[in-house]
N, C-alpha and C. Protein backbone atom coordinates (compact mmCIF):
# COMPACT_ATOMS: atom_id res chain seq x y z
N MET A 1 0.82 -1.20 0.00
CA MET A 1 0.00 0.00 0.00
C MET A 1 0.86 1.26 0.00
N SER A 2 1.87 1.30 0.91
CA SER A 2 2.71 2.49 0.99
C SER A 2 3.53 2.67 -0.28
N GLU A 3 3.85 1.55 -0.97
CA GLU A 3 4.60 1.65 -2.22
C GLU A 3 3.77 2.35 -3.30
N ILE A 4 2.48 2.07 -3.33
CA ILE A 4 1.58 2.71 -4.29
C ILE A 4 1.52 4.22 -4.02
N VAL A 5 1.38 4.56 -2.76
CA VAL A 5 1.31 5.97 -2.37
C VAL A 5 2.61 6.68 -2.71
N LEU A 6 3.74 6.05 -2.39
CA LEU A 6 5.03 6.66 -2.68
C LEU A 6 5.23 6.85 -4.18
N ASN A 7 4.83 5.88 -4.98
CA ASN A 7 4.95 6.02 -6.43
C ASN A 7 4.10 7.16 -6.95
N ALA A 8 2.88 7.29 -6.43
CA ALA A 8 2.00 8.38 -6.85
C ALA A 8 2.58 9.74 -6.44
N LEU A 9 3.12 9.82 -5.22
CA LEU A 9 3.72 11.08 -4.77
C LEU A 9 4.95 11.43 -5.59
N ALA A 10 5.78 10.43 -5.91
CA ALA A 10 6.97 10.67 -6.72
C ALA A 10 6.58 11.12 -8.12
N LYS A 11 5.52 10.54 -8.67
CA LYS A 11 5.04 10.94 -10.00
C LYS A 11 4.58 12.39 -9.98
N ARG A 12 3.82 12.76 -8.95
CA ARG A 12 3.34 14.14 -8.84
C ARG A 12 4.49 15.12 -8.68
N ARG A 13 5.49 14.72 -7.89
CA ARG A 13 6.67 15.57 -7.69
C ARG A 13 7.40 15.77 -9.02
N ALA A 14 7.53 14.72 -9.80
CA ALA A 14 8.19 14.82 -11.10
C ALA A 14 7.42 15.75 -12.03
N GLU A 15 6.08 15.67 -12.00
CA GLU A 15 5.25 16.57 -12.82
C GLU A 15 5.46 18.03 -12.42
N LEU A 16 5.48 18.28 -11.12
CA LEU A 16 5.68 19.66 -10.63
C LEU A 16 7.07 20.17 -10.97
N MET A 17 8.08 19.31 -10.89
CA MET A 17 9.44 19.73 -11.25
C MET A 17 9.52 20.05 -12.74
N GLY A 18 8.83 19.28 -13.57
CA GLY A 18 8.79 19.58 -15.00
C GLY A 18 8.10 20.90 -15.27
N GLU A 19 7.01 21.14 -14.56
CA GLU A 19 6.29 22.42 -14.70
C GLU A 19 7.18 23.58 -14.25
N ASP A 20 7.92 23.38 -13.15
CA ASP A 20 8.84 24.40 -12.66
C ASP A 20 9.90 24.73 -13.71
N THR A 21 10.45 23.74 -14.35
CA THR A 21 11.46 23.96 -15.38
C THR A 21 10.88 24.75 -16.55
N ALA A 22 9.67 24.38 -16.97
CA ALA A 22 9.03 25.09 -18.09
C ALA A 22 8.74 26.54 -17.72
N LEU A 23 8.27 26.78 -16.49
CA LEU A 23 7.97 28.14 -16.06
C LEU A 23 9.24 28.99 -15.96
N ARG A 24 10.31 28.38 -15.48
CA ARG A 24 11.58 29.12 -15.39
C ARG A 24 12.08 29.51 -16.78
N ALA A 25 11.92 28.60 -17.75
CA ALA A 25 12.33 28.91 -19.13
C ALA A 25 11.48 30.05 -19.69
N LYS A 26 10.17 30.01 -19.41
CA LYS A 26 9.29 31.07 -19.89
C LYS A 26 9.64 32.40 -19.24
N LEU A 27 9.93 32.36 -17.94
CA LEU A 27 10.31 33.58 -17.23
C LEU A 27 11.61 34.16 -17.77
N ALA A 28 12.58 33.30 -18.09
CA ALA A 28 13.84 33.76 -18.66
C ALA A 28 13.59 34.43 -20.02
N GLN A 29 12.68 33.87 -20.81
CA GLN A 29 12.35 34.46 -22.11
C GLN A 29 11.66 35.81 -21.93
N ILE A 30 10.78 35.92 -20.94
CA ILE A 30 10.10 37.19 -20.67
C ILE A 30 11.12 38.27 -20.29
N TRP A 31 12.08 37.93 -19.40
CA TRP A 31 13.08 38.91 -19.00
C TRP A 31 13.97 39.30 -20.17
N ALA A 32 14.26 38.37 -21.07
CA ALA A 32 15.04 38.69 -22.26
C ALA A 32 14.26 39.67 -23.15
N ASP A 33 12.95 39.42 -23.30
CA ASP A 33 12.10 40.31 -24.10
C ASP A 33 12.05 41.71 -23.48
N ILE A 34 11.94 41.77 -22.15
CA ILE A 34 11.93 43.07 -21.46
C ILE A 34 13.25 43.80 -21.70
N GLY A 35 14.36 43.09 -21.65
CA GLY A 35 15.66 43.70 -21.92
C GLY A 35 15.74 44.27 -23.32
N HIS A 36 15.19 43.54 -24.30
CA HIS A 36 15.19 44.03 -25.68
C HIS A 36 14.33 45.29 -25.82
N LEU A 37 13.16 45.27 -25.16
CA LEU A 37 12.29 46.45 -25.20
C LEU A 37 12.96 47.66 -24.55
N ASP A 38 13.65 47.43 -23.42
CA ASP A 38 14.36 48.52 -22.75
C ASP A 38 15.42 49.12 -23.68
N ALA A 39 16.13 48.26 -24.40
CA ALA A 39 17.17 48.74 -25.32
C ALA A 39 16.56 49.60 -26.43
N VAL A 40 15.43 49.19 -26.96
CA VAL A 40 14.78 49.97 -28.02
C VAL A 40 14.27 51.30 -27.47
N ILE A 41 13.71 51.28 -26.27
CA ILE A 41 13.22 52.52 -25.65
C ILE A 41 14.40 53.48 -25.45
N ARG A 42 15.54 52.96 -25.00
CA ARG A 42 16.72 53.81 -24.79
C ARG A 42 17.24 54.39 -26.11
N GLN A 43 17.06 53.67 -27.21
CA GLN A 43 17.48 54.20 -28.51
C GLN A 43 16.66 55.44 -28.87
N PHE A 44 15.39 55.42 -28.52
CA PHE A 44 14.53 56.57 -28.82
C PHE A 44 14.73 57.71 -27.82
N ASP A 45 14.91 57.35 -26.54
CA ASP A 45 15.08 58.37 -25.49
C ASP A 45 15.99 57.81 -24.41
N PRO A 46 17.27 58.15 -24.44
CA PRO A 46 18.21 57.59 -23.46
C PRO A 46 17.89 57.97 -22.01
N ASP A 47 17.15 59.05 -21.80
CA ASP A 47 16.83 59.50 -20.44
C ASP A 47 15.46 59.02 -19.96
N TYR A 48 14.83 58.14 -20.71
CA TYR A 48 13.49 57.66 -20.33
C TYR A 48 13.56 56.91 -19.01
N ASN A 49 12.60 57.16 -18.13
CA ASN A 49 12.56 56.52 -16.81
C ASN A 49 11.92 55.12 -16.94
N LEU A 50 12.74 54.11 -17.14
CA LEU A 50 12.23 52.74 -17.28
C LEU A 50 11.67 52.21 -15.96
N ALA A 51 12.20 52.68 -14.84
CA ALA A 51 11.72 52.22 -13.53
C ALA A 51 10.29 52.71 -13.27
N GLY A 52 9.87 53.74 -13.96
CA GLY A 52 8.53 54.29 -13.78
C GLY A 52 7.45 53.50 -14.50
N ILE A 53 7.84 52.53 -15.29
CA ILE A 53 6.84 51.72 -16.02
C ILE A 53 6.42 50.57 -15.11
N ARG A 54 5.17 50.61 -14.71
CA ARG A 54 4.65 49.56 -13.83
C ARG A 54 4.09 48.41 -14.65
N GLY A 55 4.12 47.22 -14.06
CA GLY A 55 3.58 46.04 -14.73
C GLY A 55 2.07 46.06 -14.75
N LYS A 56 1.50 45.44 -15.77
CA LYS A 56 0.05 45.33 -15.88
C LYS A 56 -0.34 43.88 -15.59
N ARG A 57 -1.41 43.71 -14.88
CA ARG A 57 -1.90 42.37 -14.59
C ARG A 57 -2.50 41.78 -15.86
N PRO A 58 -2.16 40.53 -16.19
CA PRO A 58 -2.76 39.92 -17.38
C PRO A 58 -4.25 39.70 -17.18
N ARG A 59 -4.99 39.74 -18.27
CA ARG A 59 -6.44 39.55 -18.19
C ARG A 59 -6.78 38.11 -17.87
N ASN A 60 -7.82 37.92 -17.12
CA ASN A 60 -8.32 36.59 -16.80
C ASN A 60 -9.12 36.09 -17.99
N ARG A 61 -8.65 35.06 -18.62
CA ARG A 61 -9.30 34.54 -19.82
C ARG A 61 -10.64 33.86 -19.52
N GLU A 62 -10.85 33.47 -18.26
CA GLU A 62 -12.11 32.81 -17.89
C GLU A 62 -13.19 33.80 -17.51
N ALA A 63 -12.83 35.07 -17.34
CA ALA A 63 -13.79 36.06 -16.89
C ALA A 63 -14.86 36.30 -17.97
N ALA A 64 -16.07 36.52 -17.50
CA ALA A 64 -17.18 36.79 -18.42
C ALA A 64 -17.11 38.24 -18.89
N ARG A 65 -17.49 38.45 -20.11
CA ARG A 65 -17.54 39.81 -20.66
C ARG A 65 -18.83 40.49 -20.21
N ARG A 66 -18.92 41.77 -20.47
CA ARG A 66 -20.06 42.56 -20.05
C ARG A 66 -21.35 42.00 -20.65
N GLY A 67 -22.32 41.70 -19.80
CA GLY A 67 -23.62 41.22 -20.23
C GLY A 67 -23.68 39.72 -20.49
N GLU A 68 -22.54 39.06 -20.53
CA GLU A 68 -22.52 37.63 -20.83
C GLU A 68 -23.20 36.81 -19.74
N THR A 69 -22.98 37.17 -18.47
CA THR A 69 -23.58 36.42 -17.37
C THR A 69 -25.10 36.55 -17.40
N SER A 70 -25.60 37.75 -17.61
CA SER A 70 -27.05 37.96 -17.63
C SER A 70 -27.70 37.16 -18.76
N ARG A 71 -27.09 37.18 -19.94
CA ARG A 71 -27.64 36.41 -21.06
C ARG A 71 -27.62 34.92 -20.77
N ALA A 72 -26.53 34.45 -20.16
CA ALA A 72 -26.43 33.03 -19.84
C ALA A 72 -27.47 32.63 -18.79
N VAL A 73 -27.67 33.48 -17.78
CA VAL A 73 -28.67 33.19 -16.74
C VAL A 73 -30.06 33.12 -17.35
N LEU A 74 -30.39 34.09 -18.19
CA LEU A 74 -31.71 34.08 -18.83
C LEU A 74 -31.90 32.83 -19.68
N GLY A 75 -30.87 32.45 -20.41
CA GLY A 75 -30.96 31.24 -21.23
C GLY A 75 -31.17 30.00 -20.39
N LEU A 76 -30.46 29.91 -19.28
CA LEU A 76 -30.62 28.74 -18.40
C LEU A 76 -32.00 28.70 -17.76
N LEU A 77 -32.50 29.87 -17.36
CA LEU A 77 -33.83 29.91 -16.75
C LEU A 77 -34.91 29.53 -17.77
N ARG A 78 -34.72 29.95 -19.03
CA ARG A 78 -35.67 29.57 -20.08
C ARG A 78 -35.65 28.06 -20.31
N GLU A 79 -34.43 27.50 -20.36
CA GLU A 79 -34.29 26.06 -20.59
C GLU A 79 -34.88 25.25 -19.44
N ALA A 80 -34.72 25.74 -18.21
CA ALA A 80 -35.18 24.99 -17.04
C ALA A 80 -36.70 24.86 -17.03
N GLY A 81 -37.38 25.92 -17.38
CA GLY A 81 -38.83 25.89 -17.41
C GLY A 81 -39.48 26.01 -16.05
N ALA A 82 -38.78 25.60 -15.00
CA ALA A 82 -39.28 25.69 -13.63
C ALA A 82 -38.22 26.42 -12.80
N PRO A 83 -38.62 26.93 -11.64
CA PRO A 83 -37.64 27.62 -10.79
C PRO A 83 -36.49 26.68 -10.41
N ILE A 84 -35.26 27.20 -10.48
CA ILE A 84 -34.08 26.44 -10.05
C ILE A 84 -33.26 27.30 -9.11
N SER A 85 -32.48 26.66 -8.27
CA SER A 85 -31.70 27.38 -7.27
C SER A 85 -30.50 28.07 -7.92
N THR A 86 -29.96 29.04 -7.20
CA THR A 86 -28.76 29.73 -7.67
C THR A 86 -27.61 28.75 -7.83
N ALA A 87 -27.48 27.83 -6.88
CA ALA A 87 -26.40 26.84 -6.95
C ALA A 87 -26.51 26.00 -8.22
N GLU A 88 -27.73 25.64 -8.58
CA GLU A 88 -27.93 24.85 -9.79
C GLU A 88 -27.60 25.67 -11.05
N VAL A 89 -27.95 26.95 -11.03
CA VAL A 89 -27.61 27.82 -12.16
C VAL A 89 -26.09 27.91 -12.29
N VAL A 90 -25.40 28.05 -11.15
CA VAL A 90 -23.94 28.14 -11.16
C VAL A 90 -23.34 26.87 -11.75
N GLU A 91 -23.81 25.72 -11.29
CA GLU A 91 -23.28 24.45 -11.80
C GLU A 91 -23.50 24.33 -13.30
N ARG A 92 -24.68 24.70 -13.76
CA ARG A 92 -24.98 24.61 -15.20
C ARG A 92 -24.12 25.59 -16.00
N MET A 93 -23.91 26.81 -15.46
CA MET A 93 -23.08 27.79 -16.16
C MET A 93 -21.64 27.31 -16.25
N MET A 94 -21.14 26.72 -15.16
CA MET A 94 -19.77 26.22 -15.17
C MET A 94 -19.62 25.10 -16.19
N ALA A 95 -20.60 24.23 -16.27
CA ALA A 95 -20.56 23.15 -17.25
C ALA A 95 -20.62 23.73 -18.67
N GLN A 96 -21.45 24.74 -18.86
CA GLN A 96 -21.60 25.38 -20.16
C GLN A 96 -20.31 26.03 -20.63
N ARG A 97 -19.58 26.63 -19.70
CA ARG A 97 -18.33 27.31 -20.04
C ARG A 97 -17.12 26.38 -20.00
N GLY A 98 -17.35 25.11 -19.69
CA GLY A 98 -16.26 24.15 -19.70
C GLY A 98 -15.38 24.21 -18.47
N LEU A 99 -15.90 24.73 -17.37
CA LEU A 99 -15.14 24.81 -16.13
C LEU A 99 -15.44 23.58 -15.29
N ASP A 100 -14.41 22.99 -14.72
CA ASP A 100 -14.58 21.82 -13.88
C ASP A 100 -15.08 22.29 -12.52
N ALA A 101 -16.30 21.93 -12.19
CA ALA A 101 -16.93 22.42 -10.96
C ALA A 101 -16.16 21.98 -9.72
N ALA A 102 -15.74 20.72 -9.68
CA ALA A 102 -15.04 20.21 -8.50
C ALA A 102 -13.69 20.91 -8.31
N ALA A 103 -12.97 21.10 -9.40
CA ALA A 103 -11.66 21.76 -9.31
C ALA A 103 -11.82 23.21 -8.91
N ARG A 104 -12.81 23.91 -9.47
CA ARG A 104 -13.02 25.31 -9.12
C ARG A 104 -13.41 25.45 -7.66
N ARG A 105 -14.26 24.53 -7.18
CA ARG A 105 -14.69 24.58 -5.79
C ARG A 105 -13.50 24.36 -4.87
N ALA A 106 -12.64 23.42 -5.22
CA ALA A 106 -11.48 23.12 -4.39
C ALA A 106 -10.49 24.28 -4.38
N ALA A 107 -10.30 24.92 -5.51
CA ALA A 107 -9.31 25.99 -5.61
C ALA A 107 -9.80 27.29 -5.00
N HIS A 108 -11.04 27.68 -5.27
CA HIS A 108 -11.52 29.00 -4.85
C HIS A 108 -12.80 28.93 -4.04
N GLY A 109 -13.24 27.78 -3.69
CA GLY A 109 -14.51 27.67 -3.00
C GLY A 109 -15.67 27.99 -3.91
N GLY A 110 -15.42 28.12 -5.21
CA GLY A 110 -16.47 28.43 -6.17
C GLY A 110 -17.06 29.81 -5.98
N GLN A 111 -16.44 30.63 -5.15
CA GLN A 111 -17.02 31.92 -4.79
C GLN A 111 -17.12 32.87 -5.97
N ALA A 112 -16.08 32.96 -6.78
CA ALA A 112 -16.08 33.95 -7.87
C ALA A 112 -17.21 33.68 -8.85
N VAL A 113 -17.35 32.44 -9.29
CA VAL A 113 -18.40 32.11 -10.25
C VAL A 113 -19.76 32.25 -9.59
N ARG A 114 -19.89 31.81 -8.33
CA ARG A 114 -21.17 31.88 -7.64
C ARG A 114 -21.61 33.33 -7.47
N VAL A 115 -20.70 34.20 -7.06
CA VAL A 115 -21.03 35.61 -6.85
C VAL A 115 -21.40 36.27 -8.17
N ASN A 116 -20.60 36.03 -9.23
CA ASN A 116 -20.91 36.62 -10.52
C ASN A 116 -22.25 36.16 -11.04
N THR A 117 -22.56 34.89 -10.88
CA THR A 117 -23.84 34.36 -11.35
C THR A 117 -24.99 34.96 -10.55
N ALA A 118 -24.84 35.02 -9.23
CA ALA A 118 -25.90 35.59 -8.40
C ALA A 118 -26.12 37.05 -8.74
N CYS A 119 -25.03 37.79 -8.97
CA CYS A 119 -25.17 39.21 -9.36
C CYS A 119 -25.89 39.32 -10.70
N GLY A 120 -25.54 38.44 -11.63
CA GLY A 120 -26.21 38.44 -12.92
C GLY A 120 -27.69 38.15 -12.78
N MET A 121 -28.03 37.22 -11.88
CA MET A 121 -29.44 36.88 -11.66
C MET A 121 -30.18 38.05 -11.04
N LEU A 122 -29.54 38.74 -10.10
CA LEU A 122 -30.19 39.90 -9.48
C LEU A 122 -30.41 41.01 -10.49
N MET A 123 -29.43 41.24 -11.37
CA MET A 123 -29.59 42.28 -12.38
C MET A 123 -30.71 41.92 -13.35
N VAL A 124 -30.83 40.67 -13.70
CA VAL A 124 -31.92 40.22 -14.57
C VAL A 124 -33.25 40.47 -13.87
N GLY A 125 -33.30 40.15 -12.57
CA GLY A 125 -34.53 40.36 -11.80
C GLY A 125 -34.90 41.82 -11.69
N ARG A 126 -33.92 42.69 -11.51
CA ARG A 126 -34.18 44.12 -11.38
C ARG A 126 -34.73 44.71 -12.67
N ARG A 127 -34.35 44.11 -13.79
CA ARG A 127 -34.84 44.61 -15.08
C ARG A 127 -36.24 44.07 -15.38
N GLY A 128 -36.79 43.30 -14.45
CA GLY A 128 -38.15 42.80 -14.62
C GLY A 128 -38.25 41.60 -15.53
N ARG A 129 -37.14 40.91 -15.78
CA ARG A 129 -37.17 39.77 -16.69
C ARG A 129 -37.31 38.44 -15.97
N SER A 130 -37.13 38.43 -14.67
CA SER A 130 -37.15 37.17 -13.95
C SER A 130 -37.55 37.40 -12.51
N ALA A 131 -37.96 36.32 -11.87
CA ALA A 131 -38.25 36.39 -10.44
C ALA A 131 -36.93 36.42 -9.69
N ARG A 132 -37.00 36.74 -8.41
CA ARG A 132 -35.82 36.78 -7.56
C ARG A 132 -35.17 35.40 -7.53
N PRO A 133 -33.81 35.32 -7.57
CA PRO A 133 -33.17 34.01 -7.55
C PRO A 133 -33.48 33.25 -6.27
N ARG A 134 -33.62 31.96 -6.39
CA ARG A 134 -33.92 31.10 -5.25
C ARG A 134 -32.69 30.30 -4.90
N GLY A 135 -32.36 30.24 -3.65
CA GLY A 135 -31.20 29.49 -3.20
C GLY A 135 -31.46 28.89 -1.84
N PRO A 136 -30.43 28.35 -1.19
CA PRO A 136 -30.60 27.71 0.11
C PRO A 136 -31.14 28.65 1.17
N ARG A 137 -30.74 29.92 1.12
CA ARG A 137 -31.21 30.87 2.13
C ARG A 137 -32.70 31.13 2.02
N ASP A 138 -33.21 31.14 0.76
CA ASP A 138 -34.63 31.42 0.56
C ASP A 138 -35.50 30.29 1.11
N ALA A 139 -34.98 29.06 1.13
CA ALA A 139 -35.77 27.93 1.62
C ALA A 139 -36.01 28.05 3.11
N ARG A 140 -35.12 28.74 3.84
CA ARG A 140 -35.25 28.87 5.29
C ARG A 140 -36.27 29.93 5.69
N ARG A 141 -36.61 30.81 4.79
CA ARG A 141 -37.50 31.92 5.14
C ARG A 141 -38.93 31.50 5.21
């Protein structure tokens, strides 16, 4: 039994070490690109303050665009035909967008997707297109 566990742990460690090597290579390439950009900037203006250029956070590719959540919520509510809970809407939206529900829940507690979906449902409700979202809290009232 312990041999199976040790083999699985060693395999996972090897995967992480490979990922570390790939990330280090990518980081080295990024720093090389930054050095090249700095050299070109200096050619145009040798006195340019390169230290004043702050980094920008990369965009989250999984983030929904403006209005996308509301349209998806309305579509799911139409398909359901009957009232469904917010949690069920979240699960269906995650499946629709190709997100692994179990992995997202483990990594972030599913909070980001749940909050965005609930906000989308509330906005749909405020516009008079749907009833108030139903969830576990509503069942207790």
